[in-house]
Structures are given as C-alpha cells and as structure tokens.
Amino acid sequence: MKQEDKIKALEERIKKLEKEVFGPSKRKSKSSSKYKGLVGGINLLIDNGFFNKPKLVTEVKDELNREGYFHSIQSIDTILRRDLVKRKRTLNRVKEDGVWQYAIRK
C-alpha cells in the first residue's frame, strides 16, 4: 500500500470517527425567532414563569443579562410599561414600598 493510500484511508477513518463522536455539526442560535430582541427576551421570561411574583426592573435586567439579552434599564422599563402593561396587558405594574414592580396579570 502506498503512503498516499494509507493517508487517505486514515483521513476517511478520522472523518467517520469524528462524525460518530461529535455528530453532525449543528449551529445553536441564542434564541428562536419567537424571542428576538428585547420584547422577545421579556416574552421568554414570561414563558419561563419569571413574572409569577412581582419583580423590580433591576431584577428583570439581571435575568435578561443571564439569558443573553443586554439592554439598558431605561429601555427595559419603557418596553415593560408601554408594550406589556398598556398595549398587550400581559403584565401588571404595582407600586410597593415606593418602587414599581411588574408581575403577570391573572
């Protein structure tokens, strides 16, 4: 057997082994199309039950950061108030101890 034939056989064997060990290469996206952007990140938190208890905007920001969504507190608060409290009526806004908190509307 020639050197080139041996090398080709080894390369094919390595490819086969890598395919068995690692499987076909799949790209994982950060979020599906349902959870794109800031509103999508907040919808992800709603679907995960994050708002079952009242949460401060800073808690929402920390959880969004943990999920890979990086936005300012101002933009998060605006989206919460404008889109999810007033327009969609998904969340309630309650003032407790002088601070606004957001929870799922039941």
PDB file of N, CA and C in Angstrom:
ATOM      1  N   MET A   1       0.843  -1.180   0.000  1.00  0.00           N
ATOM      2  CA  MET A   1       0.000   0.000   0.000  1.00  0.00           C
ATOM      3  C   MET A   1       0.887   1.242   0.000  1.00  0.00           C
ATOM      4  N   LYS A   2       0.552   2.176  -0.826  1.00  0.00           N
ATOM      5  CA  LYS A   2       1.340   3.392  -0.931  1.00  0.00           C
ATOM      6  C   LYS A   2       1.037   4.305   0.248  1.00  0.00           C
ATOM      7  N   GLN A   3       1.938   5.215   0.476  1.00  0.00           N
ATOM      8  CA  GLN A   3       1.780   6.201   1.558  1.00  0.00           C
ATOM      9  C   GLN A   3       0.517   7.035   1.368  1.00  0.00           C
ATOM     10  N   GLU A   4       0.268   7.464   0.131  1.00  0.00           N
ATOM     11  CA  GLU A   4      -0.908   8.293  -0.145  1.00  0.00           C
ATOM     12  C   GLU A   4      -2.200   7.531   0.135  1.00  0.00           C
ATOM     13  N   ASP A   5      -2.220   6.249  -0.213  1.00  0.00           N
ATOM     14  CA  ASP A   5      -3.411   5.438   0.046  1.00  0.00           C
ATOM     15  C   ASP A   5      -3.636   5.284   1.544  1.00  0.00           C
ATOM     16  N   LYS A   6      -2.556   5.104   2.282  1.00  0.00           N
ATOM     17  CA  LYS A   6      -2.660   4.977   3.739  1.00  0.00           C
ATOM     18  C   LYS A   6      -3.195   6.269   4.360  1.00  0.00           C
ATOM     19  N   ILE A   7      -2.683   7.386   3.868  1.00  0.00           N
ATOM     20  CA  ILE A   7      -3.121   8.689   4.392  1.00  0.00           C
ATOM     21  C   ILE A   7      -4.599   8.905   4.093  1.00  0.00           C
ATOM     22  N   LYS A   8      -5.040   8.605   2.880  1.00  0.00           N
ATOM     23  CA  LYS A   8      -6.452   8.759   2.523  1.00  0.00           C
ATOM     24  C   LYS A   8      -7.336   7.862   3.386  1.00  0.00           C
ATOM     25  N   ALA A   9      -6.886   6.636   3.600  1.00  0.00           N
ATOM     26  CA  ALA A   9      -7.664   5.703   4.425  1.00  0.00           C
ATOM     27  C   ALA A   9      -7.769   6.217   5.858  1.00  0.00           C
ATOM     28  N   LEU A  10      -6.669   6.754   6.380  1.00  0.00           N
ATOM     29  CA  LEU A  10      -6.683   7.304   7.737  1.00  0.00           C
ATOM     30  C   LEU A  10      -7.575   8.540   7.828  1.00  0.00           C
ATOM     31  N   GLU A  11      -7.530   9.397   6.818  1.00  0.00           N
ATOM     32  CA  GLU A  11      -8.388  10.585   6.813  1.00  0.00           C
ATOM     33  C   GLU A  11      -9.861  10.195   6.796  1.00  0.00           C
ATOM     34  N   GLU A  12     -10.210   9.208   5.977  1.00  0.00           N
ATOM     35  CA  GLU A  12     -11.602   8.754   5.942  1.00  0.00           C
ATOM     36  C   GLU A  12     -12.014   8.151   7.282  1.00  0.00           C
ATOM     37  N   ARG A  13     -11.118   7.427   7.876  1.00  0.00           N
ATOM     38  CA  ARG A  13     -11.396   6.816   9.185  1.00  0.00           C
ATOM     39  C   ARG A  13     -11.597   7.885  10.257  1.00  0.00           C
ATOM     40  N   ILE A  14     -10.761   8.911  10.228  1.00  0.00           N
ATOM     41  CA  ILE A  14     -10.880  10.012  11.196  1.00  0.00           C
ATOM     42  C   ILE A  14     -12.203  10.740  10.995  1.00  0.00           C
ATOM     43  N   LYS A  15     -12.565  11.021   9.752  1.00  0.00           N
ATOM     44  CA  LYS A  15     -13.845  11.692   9.481  1.00  0.00           C
ATOM     45  C   LYS A  15     -15.014  10.869  10.004  1.00  0.00           C
ATOM     46  N   LYS A  16     -14.955   9.565   9.775  1.00  0.00           N
ATOM     47  CA  LYS A  16     -16.027   8.678  10.238  1.00  0.00           C
ATOM     48  C   LYS A  16     -16.105   8.681  11.763  1.00  0.00           C
ATOM     49  N   LEU A  17     -14.955   8.598  12.422  1.00  0.00           N
ATOM     50  CA  LEU A  17     -14.924   8.611  13.890  1.00  0.00           C
ATOM     51  C   LEU A  17     -15.420   9.939  14.448  1.00  0.00           C
ATOM     52  N   GLU A  18     -14.995  11.046  13.844  1.00  0.00           N
ATOM     53  CA  GLU A  18     -15.460  12.356  14.303  1.00  0.00           C
ATOM     54  C   GLU A  18     -16.967  12.491  14.136  1.00  0.00           C
ATOM     55  N   LYS A  19     -17.483  11.980  13.037  1.00  0.00           N
ATOM     56  CA  LYS A  19     -18.927  12.049  12.822  1.00  0.00           C
ATOM     57  C   LYS A  19     -19.667  11.237  13.887  1.00  0.00           C
ATOM     58  N   GLU A  20     -19.125  10.087  14.253  1.00  0.00           N
ATOM     59  CA  GLU A  20     -19.754   9.251  15.284  1.00  0.00           C
ATOM     60  C   GLU A  20     -19.666   9.898  16.661  1.00  0.00           C
ATOM     61  N   VAL A  21     -18.533  10.476  16.975  1.00  0.00           N
ATOM     62  CA  VAL A  21     -18.324  11.060  18.305  1.00  0.00           C
ATOM     63  C   VAL A  21     -19.053  12.388  18.449  1.00  0.00           C
ATOM     64  N   PHE A  22     -18.886  13.273  17.500  1.00  0.00           N
ATOM     65  CA  PHE A  22     -19.410  14.627  17.616  1.00  0.00           C
ATOM     66  C   PHE A  22     -20.765  14.808  16.943  1.00  0.00           C
ATOM     67  N   GLY A  23     -21.157  13.887  16.106  1.00  0.00           N
ATOM     68  CA  GLY A  23     -22.426  14.020  15.398  1.00  0.00           C
ATOM     69  C   GLY A  23     -22.331  15.085  14.327  1.00  0.00           C
ATOM     70  N   PRO A  24     -23.405  15.258  13.586  1.00  0.00           N
ATOM     71  CA  PRO A  24     -23.374  16.307  12.563  1.00  0.00           C
ATOM     72  C   PRO A  24     -23.307  17.679  13.220  1.00  0.00           C
ATOM     73  N   SER A  25     -22.587  18.564  12.590  1.00  0.00           N
ATOM     74  CA  SER A  25     -22.427  19.889  13.186  1.00  0.00           C
ATOM     75  C   SER A  25     -23.740  20.647  13.099  1.00  0.00           C
ATOM     76  N   LYS A  26     -24.182  21.162  14.243  1.00  0.00           N
ATOM     77  CA  LYS A  26     -25.414  21.942  14.312  1.00  0.00           C
ATOM     78  C   LYS A  26     -25.082  23.273  14.948  1.00  0.00           C
ATOM     79  N   ARG A  27     -25.616  24.311  14.381  1.00  0.00           N
ATOM     80  CA  ARG A  27     -25.442  25.630  14.981  1.00  0.00           C
ATOM     81  C   ARG A  27     -26.611  25.885  15.900  1.00  0.00           C
ATOM     82  N   LYS A  28     -26.295  26.285  17.105  1.00  0.00           N
ATOM     83  CA  LYS A  28     -27.338  26.632  18.050  1.00  0.00           C
ATOM     84  C   LYS A  28     -27.488  28.144  18.058  1.00  0.00           C
ATOM     85  N   SER A  29     -28.703  28.590  17.853  1.00  0.00           N
ATOM     86  CA  SER A  29     -28.939  30.024  17.905  1.00  0.00           C
ATOM     87  C   SER A  29     -29.255  30.419  19.335  1.00  0.00           C
ATOM     88  N   LYS A  30     -28.934  31.651  19.694  1.00  0.00           N
ATOM     89  CA  LYS A  30     -29.189  32.160  21.044  1.00  0.00           C
ATOM     90  C   LYS A  30     -30.662  32.085  21.377  1.00  0.00           C
ATOM     91  N   SER A  31     -31.459  32.421  20.421  1.00  0.00           N
ATOM     92  CA  SER A  31     -32.892  32.418  20.654  1.00  0.00           C
ATOM     93  C   SER A  31     -33.616  32.135  19.355  1.00  0.00           C
ATOM     94  N   SER A  32     -34.784  31.585  19.470  1.00  0.00           N
ATOM     95  CA  SER A  32     -35.563  31.335  18.271  1.00  0.00           C
ATOM     96  C   SER A  32     -36.173  32.650  17.796  1.00  0.00           C
ATOM     97  N   SER A  33     -36.812  32.602  16.643  1.00  0.00           N
ATOM     98  CA  SER A  33     -37.392  33.828  16.099  1.00  0.00           C
ATOM     99  C   SER A  33     -38.488  34.367  17.004  1.00  0.00           C
ATOM    100  N   LYS A  34     -39.064  33.507  17.843  1.00  0.00           N
ATOM    101  CA  LYS A  34     -40.109  33.943  18.765  1.00  0.00           C
ATOM    102  C   LYS A  34     -39.543  34.885  19.828  1.00  0.00           C
ATOM    103  N   TYR A  35     -38.270  34.748  20.126  1.00  0.00           N
ATOM    104  CA  TYR A  35     -37.664  35.509  21.215  1.00  0.00           C
ATOM    105  C   TYR A  35     -36.591  36.477  20.722  1.00  0.00           C
ATOM    106  N   LYS A  36     -36.843  37.169  19.628  1.00  0.00           N
ATOM    107  CA  LYS A  36     -35.864  38.123  19.106  1.00  0.00           C
ATOM    108  C   LYS A  36     -36.028  39.477  19.764  1.00  0.00           C
ATOM    109  N   GLY A  37     -34.924  40.126  20.020  1.00  0.00           N
ATOM    110  CA  GLY A  37     -34.939  41.483  20.549  1.00  0.00           C
ATOM    111  C   GLY A  37     -35.351  41.548  22.007  1.00  0.00           C
ATOM    112  N   LEU A  38     -35.512  42.766  22.487  1.00  0.00           N
ATOM    113  CA  LEU A  38     -35.841  42.988  23.893  1.00  0.00           C
ATOM    114  C   LEU A  38     -37.222  42.445  24.242  1.00  0.00           C
ATOM    115  N   VAL A  39     -38.204  42.692  23.393  1.00  0.00           N
ATOM    116  CA  VAL A  39     -39.554  42.184  23.666  1.00  0.00           C
ATOM    117  C   VAL A  39     -39.538  40.655  23.681  1.00  0.00           C
ATOM    118  N   GLY A  40     -38.786  40.064  22.779  1.00  0.00           N
ATOM    119  CA  GLY A  40     -38.657  38.611  22.756  1.00  0.00           C
ATOM    120  C   GLY A  40     -38.006  38.076  24.020  1.00  0.00           C
ATOM    121  N   GLY A  41     -36.995  38.783  24.519  1.00  0.00           N
ATOM    122  CA  GLY A  41     -36.352  38.369  25.768  1.00  0.00           C
ATOM    123  C   GLY A  41     -37.311  38.424  26.941  1.00  0.00           C
ATOM    124  N   ILE A  42     -38.113  39.473  26.989  1.00  0.00           N
ATOM    125  CA  ILE A  42     -39.089  39.593  28.075  1.00  0.00           C
ATOM    126  C   ILE A  42     -40.170  38.524  27.923  1.00  0.00           C
ATOM    127  N   ASN A  43     -40.583  38.231  26.686  1.00  0.00           N
ATOM    128  CA  ASN A  43     -41.547  37.151  26.464  1.00  0.00           C
ATOM    129  C   ASN A  43     -40.980  35.801  26.889  1.00  0.00           C
ATOM    130  N   LEU A  44     -39.677  35.607  26.694  1.00  0.00           N
ATOM    131  CA  LEU A  44     -39.023  34.390  27.164  1.00  0.00           C
ATOM    132  C   LEU A  44     -39.137  34.276  28.678  1.00  0.00           C
ATOM    133  N   LEU A  45     -38.896  35.389  29.380  1.00  0.00           N
ATOM    134  CA  LEU A  45     -39.020  35.385  30.838  1.00  0.00           C
ATOM    135  C   LEU A  45     -40.458  35.095  31.260  1.00  0.00           C
ATOM    136  N   ILE A  46     -41.419  35.665  30.553  1.00  0.00           N
ATOM    137  CA  ILE A  46     -42.830  35.412  30.871  1.00  0.00           C
ATOM    138  C   ILE A  46     -43.144  33.929  30.690  1.00  0.00           C
ATOM    139  N   ASP A  47     -42.696  33.352  29.574  1.00  0.00           N
ATOM    140  CA  ASP A  47     -42.955  31.937  29.301  1.00  0.00           C
ATOM    141  C   ASP A  47     -42.272  31.025  30.316  1.00  0.00           C
ATOM    142  N   ASN A  48     -41.139  31.467  30.861  1.00  0.00           N
ATOM    143  CA  ASN A  48     -40.422  30.675  31.865  1.00  0.00           C
ATOM    144  C   ASN A  48     -40.977  30.864  33.270  1.00  0.00           C
ATOM    145  N   GLY A  49     -41.991  31.720  33.435  1.00  0.00           N
ATOM    146  CA  GLY A  49     -42.607  31.919  34.743  1.00  0.00           C
ATOM    147  C   GLY A  49     -41.867  32.893  35.642  1.00  0.00           C
ATOM    148  N   PHE A  50     -41.016  33.708  35.060  1.00  0.00           N
ATOM    149  CA  PHE A  50     -40.223  34.654  35.853  1.00  0.00           C
ATOM    150  C   PHE A  50     -41.089  35.690  36.549  1.00  0.00           C
ATOM    151  N   PHE A  51     -42.183  36.095  35.917  1.00  0.00           N
ATOM    152  CA  PHE A  51     -43.027  37.161  36.462  1.00  0.00           C
ATOM    153  C   PHE A  51     -44.185  36.636  37.314  1.00  0.00           C
ATOM    154  N   ASN A  52     -44.101  35.405  37.777  1.00  0.00           N
ATOM    155  CA  ASN A  52     -45.163  34.879  38.643  1.00  0.00           C
ATOM    156  C   ASN A  52     -45.218  35.628  39.972  1.00  0.00           C
ATOM    157  N   LYS A  53     -44.091  36.157  40.395  1.00  0.00           N
ATOM    158  CA  LYS A  53     -44.020  37.014  41.586  1.00  0.00           C
ATOM    159  C   LYS A  53     -43.536  38.386  41.131  1.00  0.00           C
ATOM    160  N   PRO A  54     -43.944  39.460  41.808  1.00  0.00           N
ATOM    161  CA  PRO A  54     -43.526  40.813  41.394  1.00  0.00           C
ATOM    162  C   PRO A  54     -42.000  40.966  41.340  1.00  0.00           C
ATOM    163  N   LYS A  55     -41.530  41.604  40.278  1.00  0.00           N
ATOM    164  CA  LYS A  55     -40.090  41.794  40.060  1.00  0.00           C
ATOM    165  C   LYS A  55     -39.786  43.258  39.784  1.00  0.00           C
ATOM    166  N   LEU A  56     -38.649  43.714  40.305  1.00  0.00           N
ATOM    167  CA  LEU A  56     -38.145  45.058  40.020  1.00  0.00           C
ATOM    168  C   LEU A  56     -37.518  45.082  38.629  1.00  0.00           C
ATOM    169  N   VAL A  57     -37.379  46.265  38.071  1.00  0.00           N
ATOM    170  CA  VAL A  57     -36.759  46.401  36.753  1.00  0.00           C
ATOM    171  C   VAL A  57     -35.315  45.904  36.798  1.00  0.00           C
ATOM    172  N   THR A  58     -34.619  46.147  37.902  1.00  0.00           N
ATOM    173  CA  THR A  58     -33.229  45.682  38.012  1.00  0.00           C
ATOM    174  C   THR A  58     -33.163  44.154  38.015  1.00  0.00           C
ATOM    175  N   GLU A  59     -34.151  43.502  38.623  1.00  0.00           N
ATOM    176  CA  GLU A  59     -34.193  42.037  38.603  1.00  0.00           C
ATOM    177  C   GLU A  59     -34.451  41.531  37.186  1.00  0.00           C
ATOM    178  N   VAL A  60     -35.310  42.235  36.464  1.00  0.00           N
ATOM    179  CA  VAL A  60     -35.590  41.875  35.073  1.00  0.00           C
ATOM    180  C   VAL A  60     -34.323  42.031  34.241  1.00  0.00           C
ATOM    181  N   LYS A  61     -33.597  43.129  34.445  1.00  0.00           N
ATOM    182  CA  LYS A  61     -32.351  43.368  33.704  1.00  0.00           C
ATOM    183  C   LYS A  61     -31.337  42.265  33.980  1.00  0.00           C
ATOM    184  N   ASP A  62     -31.169  41.891  35.254  1.00  0.00           N
ATOM    185  CA  ASP A  62     -30.217  40.835  35.611  1.00  0.00           C
ATOM    186  C   ASP A  62     -30.588  39.505  34.955  1.00  0.00           C
ATOM    187  N   GLU A  63     -31.871  39.177  34.962  1.00  0.00           N
ATOM    188  CA  GLU A  63     -32.314  37.919  34.359  1.00  0.00           C
ATOM    189  C   GLU A  63     -32.147  37.942  32.842  1.00  0.00           C
ATOM    190  N   LEU A  64     -32.436  39.074  32.217  1.00  0.00           N
ATOM    191  CA  LEU A  64     -32.221  39.199  30.773  1.00  0.00           C
ATOM    192  C   LEU A  64     -30.740  39.053  30.432  1.00  0.00           C
ATOM    193  N   ASN A  65     -29.872  39.657  31.245  1.00  0.00           N
ATOM    194  CA  ASN A  65     -28.430  39.517  31.023  1.00  0.00           C
ATOM    195  C   ASN A  65     -28.016  38.053  31.127  1.00  0.00           C
ATOM    196  N   ARG A  66     -28.582  37.344  32.098  1.00  0.00           N
ATOM    197  CA  ARG A  66     -28.261  35.932  32.285  1.00  0.00           C
ATOM    198  C   ARG A  66     -28.704  35.110  31.068  1.00  0.00           C
ATOM    199  N   GLU A  67     -29.791  35.526  30.433  1.00  0.00           N
ATOM    200  CA  GLU A  67     -30.304  34.828  29.250  1.00  0.00           C
ATOM    201  C   GLU A  67     -29.607  35.271  27.961  1.00  0.00           C
ATOM    202  N   GLY A  68     -28.756  36.302  28.042  1.00  0.00           N
ATOM    203  CA  GLY A  68     -28.007  36.745  26.868  1.00  0.00           C
ATOM    204  C   GLY A  68     -28.583  37.955  26.159  1.00  0.00           C
ATOM    205  N   TYR A  69     -29.491  38.666  26.810  1.00  0.00           N
ATOM    206  CA  TYR A  69     -30.079  39.890  26.251  1.00  0.00           C
ATOM    207  C   TYR A  69     -29.519  41.070  27.037  1.00  0.00           C
ATOM    208  N   PHE A  70     -28.781  41.951  26.366  1.00  0.00           N
ATOM    209  CA  PHE A  70     -28.121  43.053  27.047  1.00  0.00           C
ATOM    210  C   PHE A  70     -28.721  44.383  26.594  1.00  0.00           C
ATOM    211  N   HIS A  71     -29.526  44.985  27.485  1.00  0.00           N
ATOM    212  CA  HIS A  71     -30.201  46.246  27.190  1.00  0.00           C
ATOM    213  C   HIS A  71     -30.156  47.125  28.434  1.00  0.00           C
ATOM    214  N   SER A  72     -30.344  48.427  28.243  1.00  0.00           N
ATOM    215  CA  SER A  72     -30.312  49.362  29.367  1.00  0.00           C
ATOM    216  C   SER A  72     -31.588  49.248  30.192  1.00  0.00           C
ATOM    217  N   ILE A  73     -31.489  49.678  31.439  1.00  0.00           N
ATOM    218  CA  ILE A  73     -32.649  49.660  32.333  1.00  0.00           C
ATOM    219  C   ILE A  73     -33.755  50.549  31.773  1.00  0.00           C
ATOM    220  N   GLN A  74     -33.385  51.680  31.187  1.00  0.00           N
ATOM    221  CA  GLN A  74     -34.380  52.599  30.643  1.00  0.00           C
ATOM    222  C   GLN A  74     -35.192  51.942  29.522  1.00  0.00           C
ATOM    223  N   SER A  75     -34.509  51.262  28.623  1.00  0.00           N
ATOM    224  CA  SER A  75     -35.237  50.626  27.518  1.00  0.00           C
ATOM    225  C   SER A  75     -36.093  49.465  28.014  1.00  0.00           C
ATOM    226  N   ILE A  76     -35.601  48.731  28.999  1.00  0.00           N
ATOM    227  CA  ILE A  76     -36.384  47.632  29.575  1.00  0.00           C
ATOM    228  C   ILE A  76     -37.637  48.179  30.239  1.00  0.00           C
ATOM    229  N   ASP A  77     -37.486  49.244  31.021  1.00  0.00           N
ATOM    230  CA  ASP A  77     -38.632  49.834  31.710  1.00  0.00           C
ATOM    231  C   ASP A  77     -39.653  50.376  30.708  1.00  0.00           C
ATOM    232  N   THR A  78     -39.169  51.007  29.651  1.00  0.00           N
ATOM    233  CA  THR A  78     -40.074  51.550  28.633  1.00  0.00           C
ATOM    234  C   THR A  78     -40.881  50.434  27.972  1.00  0.00           C
ATOM    235  N   ILE A  79     -40.217  49.359  27.587  1.00  0.00           N
ATOM    236  CA  ILE A  79     -40.915  48.238  26.948  1.00  0.00           C
ATOM    237  C   ILE A  79     -41.912  47.613  27.914  1.00  0.00           C
ATOM    238  N   LEU A  80     -41.506  47.448  29.169  1.00  0.00           N
ATOM    239  CA  LEU A  80     -42.421  46.864  30.154  1.00  0.00           C
ATOM    240  C   LEU A  80     -43.678  47.717  30.295  1.00  0.00           C
ATOM    241  N   ARG A  81     -43.495  49.022  30.465  1.00  0.00           N
ATOM    242  CA  ARG A  81     -44.644  49.914  30.673  1.00  0.00           C
ATOM    243  C   ARG A  81     -45.500  50.047  29.418  1.00  0.00           C
ATOM    244  N   ARG A  82     -44.854  50.392  28.318  1.00  0.00           N
ATOM    245  CA  ARG A  82     -45.599  50.728  27.105  1.00  0.00           C
ATOM    246  C   ARG A  82     -46.217  49.497  26.435  1.00  0.00           C
ATOM    247  N   ASP A  83     -45.411  48.471  26.219  1.00  0.00           N
ATOM    248  CA  ASP A  83     -45.897  47.332  25.438  1.00  0.00           C
ATOM    249  C   ASP A  83     -46.618  46.284  26.271  1.00  0.00           C
ATOM    250  N   LEU A  84     -46.046  45.916  27.398  1.00  0.00           N
ATOM    251  CA  LEU A  84     -46.587  44.773  28.125  1.00  0.00           C
ATOM    252  C   LEU A  84     -47.617  45.138  29.180  1.00  0.00           C
ATOM    253  N   VAL A  85     -47.626  46.374  29.659  1.00  0.00           N
ATOM    254  CA  VAL A  85     -48.638  46.782  30.635  1.00  0.00           C
ATOM    255  C   VAL A  85     -49.803  47.469  29.926  1.00  0.00           C
ATOM    256  N   LYS A  86     -49.506  48.435  29.059  1.00  0.00           N
ATOM    257  CA  LYS A  86     -50.578  49.222  28.431  1.00  0.00           C
ATOM    258  C   LYS A  86     -51.157  48.554  27.188  1.00  0.00           C
ATOM    259  N   ARG A  87     -50.319  48.161  26.243  1.00  0.00           N
ATOM    260  CA  ARG A  87     -50.830  47.655  24.960  1.00  0.00           C
ATOM    261  C   ARG A  87     -51.309  46.204  25.040  1.00  0.00           C
ATOM    262  N   LYS A  88     -50.425  45.316  25.426  1.00  0.00           N
ATOM    263  CA  LYS A  88     -50.772  43.894  25.421  1.00  0.00           C
ATOM    264  C   LYS A  88     -51.495  43.450  26.695  1.00  0.00           C
ATOM    265  N   ARG A  89     -51.333  44.216  27.745  1.00  0.00           N
ATOM    266  CA  ARG A  89     -51.939  43.899  29.043  1.00  0.00           C
ATOM    267  C   ARG A  89     -51.545  42.507  29.538  1.00  0.00           C
ATOM    268  N   THR A  90     -50.278  42.178  29.346  1.00  0.00           N
ATOM    269  CA  THR A  90     -49.750  40.901  29.807  1.00  0.00           C
ATOM    270  C   THR A  90     -49.313  40.990  31.261  1.00  0.00           C
ATOM    271  N   LEU A  91     -48.752  42.147  31.630  1.00  0.00           N
ATOM    272  CA  LEU A  91     -48.227  42.340  32.983  1.00  0.00           C
ATOM    273  C   LEU A  91     -49.001  43.429  33.717  1.00  0.00           C
ATOM    274  N   ASN A  92     -48.939  43.365  35.031  1.00  0.00           N
ATOM    275  CA  ASN A  92     -49.449  44.431  35.894  1.00  0.00           C
ATOM    276  C   ASN A  92     -48.272  45.186  36.472  1.00  0.00           C
ATOM    277  N   ARG A  93     -48.483  46.453  36.743  1.00  0.00           N
ATOM    278  CA  ARG A  93     -47.458  47.298  37.357  1.00  0.00           C
ATOM    279  C   ARG A  93     -47.991  47.730  38.712  1.00  0.00           C
ATOM    280  N   VAL A  94     -47.270  47.374  39.787  1.00  0.00           N
ATOM    281  CA  VAL A  94     -47.721  47.626  41.153  1.00  0.00           C
ATOM    282  C   VAL A  94     -46.634  48.388  41.892  1.00  0.00           C
ATOM    283  N   LYS A  95     -47.032  49.414  42.648  1.00  0.00           N
ATOM    284  CA  LYS A  95     -46.061  50.182  43.421  1.00  0.00           C
ATOM    285  C   LYS A  95     -46.038  49.632  44.844  1.00  0.00           C
ATOM    286  N   GLU A  96     -44.896  49.081  45.231  1.00  0.00           N
ATOM    287  CA  GLU A  96     -44.708  48.540  46.574  1.00  0.00           C
ATOM    288  C   GLU A  96     -43.489  49.206  47.198  1.00  0.00           C
ATOM    289  N   ASP A  97     -43.681  49.766  48.372  1.00  0.00           N
ATOM    290  CA  ASP A  97     -42.602  50.453  49.095  1.00  0.00           C
ATOM    291  C   ASP A  97     -41.964  51.551  48.247  1.00  0.00           C
ATOM    292  N   GLY A  98     -42.770  52.243  47.464  1.00  0.00           N
ATOM    293  CA  GLY A  98     -42.282  53.356  46.656  1.00  0.00           C
ATOM    294  C   GLY A  98     -41.550  52.944  45.399  1.00  0.00           C
ATOM    295  N   VAL A  99     -41.566  51.650  45.055  1.00  0.00           N
ATOM    296  CA  VAL A  99     -40.851  51.154  43.883  1.00  0.00           C
ATOM    297  C   VAL A  99     -41.838  50.368  43.012  1.00  0.00           C
ATOM    298  N   TRP A 100     -41.765  50.588  41.696  1.00  0.00           N
ATOM    299  CA  TRP A 100     -42.645  49.866  40.780  1.00  0.00           C
ATOM    300  C   TRP A 100     -42.134  48.452  40.558  1.00  0.00           C
ATOM    301  N   GLN A 101     -43.080  47.508  40.593  1.00  0.00           N
ATOM    302  CA  GLN A 101     -42.756  46.112  40.326  1.00  0.00           C
ATOM    303  C   GLN A 101     -43.723  45.572  39.277  1.00  0.00           C
ATOM    304  N   TYR A 102     -43.267  44.577  38.538  1.00  0.00           N
ATOM    305  CA  TYR A 102     -44.056  44.003  37.455  1.00  0.00           C
ATOM    306  C   TYR A 102     -44.333  42.537  37.747  1.00  0.00           C
ATOM    307  N   ALA A 103     -45.580  42.118  37.503  1.00  0.00           N
ATOM    308  CA  ALA A 103     -45.974  40.724  37.689  1.00  0.00           C
ATOM    309  C   ALA A 103     -46.974  40.348  36.604  1.00  0.00           C
ATOM    310  N   ILE A 104     -47.114  39.070  36.386  1.00  0.00           N
ATOM    311  CA  ILE A 104     -48.042  38.583  35.366  1.00  0.00           C
ATOM    312  C   ILE A 104     -49.472  38.929  35.758  1.00  0.00           C
ATOM    313  N   ARG A 105     -50.260  39.332  34.787  1.00  0.00           N
ATOM    314  CA  ARG A 105     -51.664  39.668  35.027  1.00  0.00           C
ATOM    315  C   ARG A 105     -52.453  38.362  35.087  1.00  0.00           C
ATOM    316  N   LYS A 106     -53.249  38.220  36.144  1.00  0.00           N
ATOM    317  CA  LYS A 106     -54.031  36.979  36.307  1.00  0.00           C
ATOM    318  C   LYS A 106     -55.494  37.238  36.170  1.00  0.00           C
TER     319      LYS A 106
END
